[in-house]
Protein backbone atom coordinates (compact mmCIF):
# COMPACT_ATOMS: atom_id res chain seq x y z
CA MET A 1 -5.65 -40.55 35.17
CA ALA A 2 -9.14 -38.99 34.88
CA GLY A 3 -8.22 -36.47 37.46
CA PHE A 4 -4.92 -35.63 35.82
CA GLY A 5 -6.80 -35.07 32.54
CA LEU A 6 -9.43 -32.75 34.19
CA THR A 7 -6.53 -30.66 35.82
CA PHE A 8 -4.84 -30.45 32.62
CA ALA A 9 -7.99 -29.34 30.68
CA TRP A 10 -8.64 -26.73 33.37
CA ARG A 11 -4.98 -25.41 33.18
CA ARG A 12 -5.48 -24.99 29.51
CA LEU A 13 -8.72 -23.11 29.76
CA CYS A 14 -7.27 -20.71 32.37
CA GLY A 15 -4.21 -20.07 30.22
CA ALA A 16 -6.41 -19.27 27.21
CA VAL A 17 -8.49 -16.84 29.23
CA LEU A 18 -5.45 -15.16 30.69
CA LEU A 19 -3.91 -14.82 27.30
CA SER A 20 -7.10 -13.28 25.92
CA VAL A 21 -7.23 -10.78 28.84
CA VAL A 22 -3.55 -9.70 28.15
CA LEU A 23 -4.18 -9.16 24.45
CA ILE A 24 -7.23 -7.09 25.08
CA LEU A 25 -5.34 -4.95 27.56
CA LEU A 26 -2.27 -4.48 25.37
CA ALA A 27 -3.94 -4.07 21.93
CA PRO A 28 -7.71 -3.65 22.25
CA GLU A 29 -8.20 -2.39 18.71
CA LYS A 30 -6.32 -5.35 17.15
CA VAL A 31 -8.30 -7.92 19.09
CA MET A 32 -11.48 -6.31 17.99
CA ALA A 33 -10.54 -6.21 14.38
CA ALA A 34 -12.76 -8.08 11.86
CA PRO A 35 -11.66 -11.65 11.47
CA ASP A 36 -11.76 -11.48 7.63
CA VAL A 37 -9.43 -8.55 7.48
CA PRO A 38 -5.63 -9.73 7.21
CA VAL A 39 -2.90 -8.29 9.30
CA PRO A 40 0.50 -8.23 7.56
CA PRO A 41 2.97 -10.48 9.41
CA GLU A 42 5.93 -8.37 10.36
CA ASN A 43 8.12 -11.36 11.09
CA LEU A 44 8.50 -11.93 7.44
CA LEU A 45 10.38 -8.60 6.95
CA THR A 46 14.08 -8.26 7.60
CA ASP A 47 15.43 -5.32 9.63
CA ARG A 48 19.17 -5.20 9.20
CA GLY A 49 19.58 -1.67 7.91
CA ARG A 50 20.49 -3.15 4.52
CA GLY A 51 19.87 -1.55 1.20
CA ASP A 52 20.32 2.03 -0.26
CA ILE A 53 18.62 4.60 1.68
CA SER A 54 17.33 7.66 -0.21
CA ASP A 55 16.55 11.25 0.86
CA ALA A 56 12.87 10.24 0.79
CA ASP A 57 13.46 7.39 3.18
CA ARG A 58 15.35 9.75 5.61
CA ASP A 59 12.58 12.36 5.43
CA PHE A 60 10.07 9.65 6.24
CA VAL A 61 11.81 8.57 9.35
CA VAL A 62 12.01 12.23 10.38
CA LYS A 63 8.31 12.76 9.74
CA VAL A 64 7.18 9.65 11.76
CA ARG A 65 9.28 11.16 14.74
CA LEU A 66 7.67 14.58 14.22
CA ALA A 67 4.19 13.02 14.26
CA GLY A 68 4.81 11.71 17.85
CA LEU A 69 6.31 14.87 19.04
CA TRP A 70 2.97 16.64 18.72
CA GLU A 71 0.52 13.89 18.89
CA ILE A 72 1.59 12.52 22.25
CA PRO A 73 1.09 15.94 23.98
CA ALA A 74 -2.07 16.42 22.02
CA GLY A 75 -3.44 13.13 23.39
CA GLU A 76 -2.44 14.18 26.90
CA MET A 77 -4.44 17.45 26.49
CA ALA A 78 -7.48 15.54 25.36
CA GLN A 79 -7.61 13.67 28.59
CA GLU A 80 -7.32 16.92 30.59
CA LYS A 81 -9.46 19.38 28.46
CA SER A 82 -12.20 17.31 26.88
CA ASP A 83 -15.55 16.87 28.49
CA SER A 84 -16.32 13.73 26.29
CA ALA A 85 -15.27 10.30 27.60
CA ARG A 86 -14.91 9.14 24.15
CA ILE A 87 -12.49 11.80 23.23
CA LYS A 88 -10.51 11.17 26.36
CA ARG A 89 -10.20 7.51 25.41
CA ILE A 90 -9.20 8.41 21.80
CA GLY A 91 -6.54 10.64 23.05
CA ARG A 92 -5.10 8.09 25.50
CA SER A 93 -4.99 5.41 22.84
CA ILE A 94 -3.24 7.50 20.27
CA ALA A 95 -0.85 9.02 22.72
CA ASP A 96 0.05 5.44 24.05
CA GLN A 97 0.48 4.03 20.49
CA HIS A 98 2.56 6.84 19.42
CA THR A 99 4.96 6.31 22.34
CA VAL A 100 5.48 2.76 21.00
CA LEU A 101 5.81 3.95 17.43
CA ASP A 102 8.21 6.64 18.51
CA GLU A 103 10.54 3.96 20.09
CA LEU A 104 10.39 1.96 16.90
CA THR A 105 11.37 5.05 14.87
CA ARG A 106 14.32 5.94 17.20
CA ASN A 107 15.61 2.47 16.95
CA ALA A 108 15.41 2.64 13.16
CA ALA A 109 17.05 6.01 12.99
CA LYS A 110 19.98 4.80 15.11
CA LYS A 111 20.54 1.85 12.87
CA LEU A 112 20.19 4.10 9.76
CA ASP A 113 22.21 7.10 11.26
CA VAL A 114 19.40 9.46 10.73
CA ASP A 115 19.34 12.51 12.94
CA LEU A 116 15.86 13.08 14.58
CA PRO A 117 14.38 16.31 15.80
CA ASN A 118 13.31 16.76 19.50
CA GLU A 119 10.52 19.37 18.99
CA PRO A 120 7.54 19.73 16.79
CA ASN A 121 7.77 21.79 13.75
CA LYS A 122 6.15 25.23 13.36
CA ASP A 123 2.74 24.01 12.04
CA GLN A 124 2.51 21.36 14.69
CA GLN A 125 3.23 23.76 17.48
CA GLY A 126 0.64 26.01 16.08
CA TRP A 127 -1.91 23.06 16.34
CA LEU A 128 -0.87 22.49 19.90
CA ASP A 129 -1.36 26.23 20.73
CA GLU A 130 -4.89 26.04 19.28
CA MET A 131 -5.74 23.18 21.41
CA ASP A 132 -4.27 24.78 24.56
CA GLU A 133 -6.60 27.82 24.04
CA ALA A 134 -9.73 25.89 23.37
CA VAL A 135 -12.10 24.39 25.86
CA GLY A 136 -15.12 21.95 25.82
CA ASP A 137 -16.59 21.05 22.38
CA ASP A 138 -14.32 23.59 20.66
CA PHE A 139 -11.27 21.61 21.83
CA ASP A 140 -12.89 18.34 20.69
CA ASP A 141 -13.48 19.77 17.14
CA ILE A 142 -9.93 21.07 16.95
CA TYR A 143 -8.30 17.93 18.26
CA ILE A 144 -10.20 15.66 15.93
CA ASP A 145 -9.83 17.87 12.95
CA ARG A 146 -6.23 18.59 13.22
CA LEU A 147 -5.22 14.94 13.77
CA ARG A 148 -7.52 13.44 11.12
CA ALA A 149 -6.15 15.98 8.57
CA ALA A 150 -2.57 15.19 9.53
CA HIS A 151 -3.06 11.40 9.23
CA GLY A 152 -4.74 11.80 5.95
CA LYS A 153 -1.66 13.54 4.54
CA ILE A 154 0.86 11.03 5.92
CA PHE A 155 -1.09 7.99 4.96
CA PRO A 156 -0.31 7.96 1.13
CA ALA A 157 3.25 9.16 1.84
CA ILE A 158 3.81 6.01 3.98
CA ALA A 159 2.30 3.81 1.12
CA THR A 160 4.86 5.46 -1.24
CA ILE A 161 7.82 4.63 0.88
CA ARG A 162 6.64 1.09 1.70
CA ALA A 163 6.31 0.32 -1.97
CA SER A 164 9.56 1.95 -3.23
CA THR A 165 12.28 1.89 -0.52
CA ARG A 166 15.33 -0.23 -1.04
CA ASN A 167 16.22 -0.33 2.60
CA ASP A 168 14.77 -3.27 4.64
CA THR A 169 14.70 -1.28 7.96
CA VAL A 170 12.78 1.69 6.42
CA ARG A 171 10.42 -0.88 4.66
CA LYS A 172 9.54 -2.41 8.00
CA LEU A 173 9.10 0.87 9.84
CA ALA A 174 6.72 1.97 6.93
CA GLN A 175 4.71 -1.12 7.38
CA GLN A 176 4.49 -0.59 11.15
CA ALA A 177 3.62 3.01 10.80
CA ASN A 178 0.99 2.30 8.14
CA GLN A 179 -0.75 0.07 10.85
CA PHE A 180 -0.66 2.80 13.43
CA VAL A 181 -1.97 5.52 11.11
CA MET A 182 -4.88 3.27 9.98
CA THR A 183 -5.72 2.67 13.56
CA HIS A 184 -5.60 6.26 14.51
CA MET A 185 -7.74 7.33 11.55
CA THR A 186 -10.34 4.77 12.60
CA LEU A 187 -10.21 5.94 16.23
CA LEU A 188 -10.58 9.59 15.21
CA GLU A 189 -13.53 8.80 12.86
CA SER A 190 -15.32 6.75 15.71
CA SER A 191 -15.76 10.19 17.49
CA GLY A 192 -18.56 10.94 15.07
CA ILE A 193 -17.38 14.59 14.56
CA VAL A 194 -15.09 14.30 11.59
CA ASP A 195 -16.10 16.63 8.89
CA PHE A 196 -15.44 14.45 5.91
CA ALA A 197 -16.74 17.13 3.45
CA ALA A 198 -14.00 19.41 4.60
CA LEU A 199 -11.21 16.86 3.86
CA PRO A 200 -9.11 17.40 0.73
CA THR A 201 -10.23 15.20 -2.28
CA ALA A 202 -8.10 13.00 -4.30
CA PRO A 203 -6.78 14.59 -7.51
CA ALA A 204 -8.90 13.96 -10.64
CA PRO A 205 -7.70 11.31 -12.96
CA ALA A 206 -5.84 12.65 -15.97
CA ALA A 207 -8.33 13.46 -18.73
CA ALA A 208 -8.07 11.58 -22.04
CA THR A 209 -7.01 13.93 -24.84
CA SER A 210 -9.01 14.06 -28.10
CA ARG A 211 -5.91 14.42 -30.22
CA PRO A 212 -4.55 11.14 -31.69
CA SER A 213 -1.05 10.01 -30.43
CA ALA A 214 2.04 10.43 -32.41
CA ALA A 215 2.11 6.65 -32.97
CA LEU A 216 -1.34 6.64 -34.42
CA LEU A 217 -0.67 9.70 -36.65
CA SER A 218 2.50 7.94 -37.89
CA ALA A 219 0.55 4.71 -38.64
CA ALA A 220 -2.07 6.71 -40.46
CA GLU A 221 0.44 8.53 -42.63
CA GLN A 222 2.16 5.29 -43.53
CA SER A 223 -1.23 3.83 -44.37
CA GLN A 224 -2.01 6.81 -46.71
CA SER A 225 1.40 6.65 -48.38
CA SER A 226 1.11 3.02 -49.10
CA GLY A 227 -2.46 3.39 -50.53
CA ALA A 228 -1.07 4.31 -53.94
CA ASN A 229 1.02 1.10 -53.98
CA VAL A 230 -1.99 -1.26 -53.47
CA PRO A 231 -2.18 -2.33 -57.18
CA LEU A 232 1.47 -3.16 -57.33
CA ILE A 233 1.28 -5.13 -54.01
CA LEU A 234 -1.71 -7.14 -55.46
CA ALA A 235 0.04 -7.74 -58.69
CA ALA A 236 3.14 -9.12 -56.88
CA LEU A 237 0.99 -11.28 -54.56
CA ALA A 238 -0.93 -12.84 -57.52
CA GLY A 239 2.45 -13.55 -59.24
CA GLY A 240 3.85 -15.14 -56.12
CA LEU A 241 0.76 -17.41 -55.77
CA ALA A 242 1.02 -18.51 -59.40
CA ALA A 243 4.61 -19.28 -59.10
CA GLY A 244 3.95 -21.31 -55.94
CA ALA A 245 1.26 -23.23 -57.59
CA PHE A 246 3.50 -24.06 -60.64
CA ALA A 247 6.33 -25.31 -58.33
CA THR A 248 4.00 -27.39 -56.33
CA ARG A 249 2.65 -29.14 -59.42
CA GLN A 250 6.18 -29.88 -60.51
CA ILE A 251 7.30 -31.37 -57.21
CA VAL A 252 4.19 -33.64 -56.90
CA GLY A 253 4.54 -34.76 -60.48
CA ASN A 254 8.12 -35.78 -59.87
CA ARG A 255 7.36 -37.64 -56.52
CA ARG A 256 4.13 -39.35 -57.53
CA PRO A 257 5.66 -42.61 -59.16
CA GLY A 258 7.79 -43.26 -56.16
CA TYR A 259 4.84 -42.69 -53.81
CA ARG A 260 2.72 -45.24 -55.82
CA SER A 261 5.53 -47.70 -55.89
CA ARG A 262 5.96 -47.66 -52.02
CA ARG A 263 2.18 -47.88 -51.52
CA ASN A 264 1.86 -50.88 -53.73
CA ARG A 265 4.77 -52.67 -52.00
CA TYR A 266 3.30 -51.97 -48.42
CA TYR A 267 -0.35 -53.04 -49.39
CA GLY A 268 0.67 -55.84 -51.63
CA GLY A 269 -0.85 -54.14 -54.67
């Protein structure tokens, strides 16, 4: 029995080690994530293509497809043209992950009957042309700059769709895309060459106006118009209080003998 227990424990240890190795190979960034940062469980979301789908939902699915159409070849160029081992690894990771995301997108589009493009748009093709002409450090700067800027633009758009869509398949794709984009932004920033000062800033909050609102103006006007009626209101209030006091005395006077009679019977007085 002791030998059986030792063999079982050894098998469990080997199984745990093998599982850890597989996880590291398949998703190194996820395994290395901080333990106190939650990862949203995708198995809690349905994916049946149910719910109304808006024009914004369809546009989102198309844009996720477009992202893969230029970021996959850009990542392949990074492995060929960059002299930096770090940039090569970033390019490979982003290209591989976009291949996975592209499959998720095509499956969602098929379920939702959304037509997808097969070529990058004009801007994306221009970025690829820039990378194709650049070499060495110039390539690294262009690759990191273009991808980081693109991810910064799509990031809030994904959040809007995730929060507002009525369709469960779009909702799940948005959640998945959000995880990919956050990972890619982190990988790009780990290069150490992102020019954060050149990134567009968030719009300023709406400034508070000095003019009072219409509701406040209306309340003030009502207060002013009622100021002339204050003496009348006070007189009416005083009259009401006097009438109330008189009525109370009458009621108490009428009920007092009965109250005393019941009290005397109860206490034997």
